[in-house]
Amino acid sequence: MKSLTFLPVFSILFSCSGTSQEIPANTKKLPLKEASAVAVSKVSNLIWVAEDSGNKNNIYGLTPEGKIAHAVTLENAKNVDWEDLTADEEGNLYVGDFGNNDNIRKDLCIYKINAGDLKNETAVSPSKVEFYYPEQSQFPPKKSELFYDAESFFIYKGNFYIFTKNRSKGFDGTVMLYKVPNQTGRHKAQLLGKFKACNNYHKCAITSADISPDGKKVALLSSSKVWILSDFKGDNFLNGKTEMFELNDVTQKEGICFKDNETLLIVDEKSKKTGGNLYEIKLSDLKSKS
């Protein structure tokens, strides 16, 4: 068992709390080098992961021990840059192919994988949701306006919520939240709001997101931090309570999801000496102790 340390963080941008503490994290080694996403489906006992650009158009079902038990090839989709996975209330999975490091893509999309296909070796996506950011007029924009990469999304009440990854020169931590309907076709993403995470790109750029099964909490991930959003109304996720927790190590953490209302799963990519793990962490262990 590996321990992650969550340290107290102060920022005028967040309502933060916490004391230095050791957080027990159940850790399993992954057989995949570039895990970029993690999700669970109510119709499967497996933990589903995907890899990003340059890898196969597969999703992989892992056992709780981190072993590959099954793989599904999405036949009518190319892995341009798969960055996140999410699951709806029926257990269908969705693949976010919207990685956009250079802010030049005009083919951002989300693929659906039917719940019934998770037991098969191949699947054909029955729905492709395409979208664009109406605020972006240049491809690429100037270096100070590279706002349109994304690695994070989840589905909630028939809509996708996408958190952008800011790659601008002079990074200030700005994250934009967009809404896209879960409907086949091409859509204009709706900008719901912005917030500032923190101002160190390597530690503060958002790499994954998820919402709890009961819809009461949102988790955001970076290479060294977890944010928990709560006490919001409807889909006004940015206007509730936000807590930021500092992880004791900086690895290429790429995926987060709620295993249940009280438990998080996190995956990171493998580098020479670190990463390549599946972590399981209780939400109660993230809370400050009196």
Foldseek 3Di string as FASTA:
>chain_A
DDWKWWDWDDDPQADADAHTDTFDKDKAFAPDFAWFEWEFFPLDQFIWTDGFAPDAQKIFTAHPNRHTPAIEHAPPDDRHTFHYWEADPNRKIKTFSQADLQQQDQFTWIFIFDNVCVVPRYTYTPAIEAEDEPVADDRRDPQQPQFRGWREWYDDPQKIKTWTFDRHDQAAQKIWIWIGGRDHDYYYTHTPDIGGQGRDNQFRGWQYKEAAPVRAWIWTDHQFKIKIFGPDPDPNRSPGHIYMIGIPDGFQWRYWYAPHNFKMWTAGHDDDPDGSMIIIGGNVSRDHDD
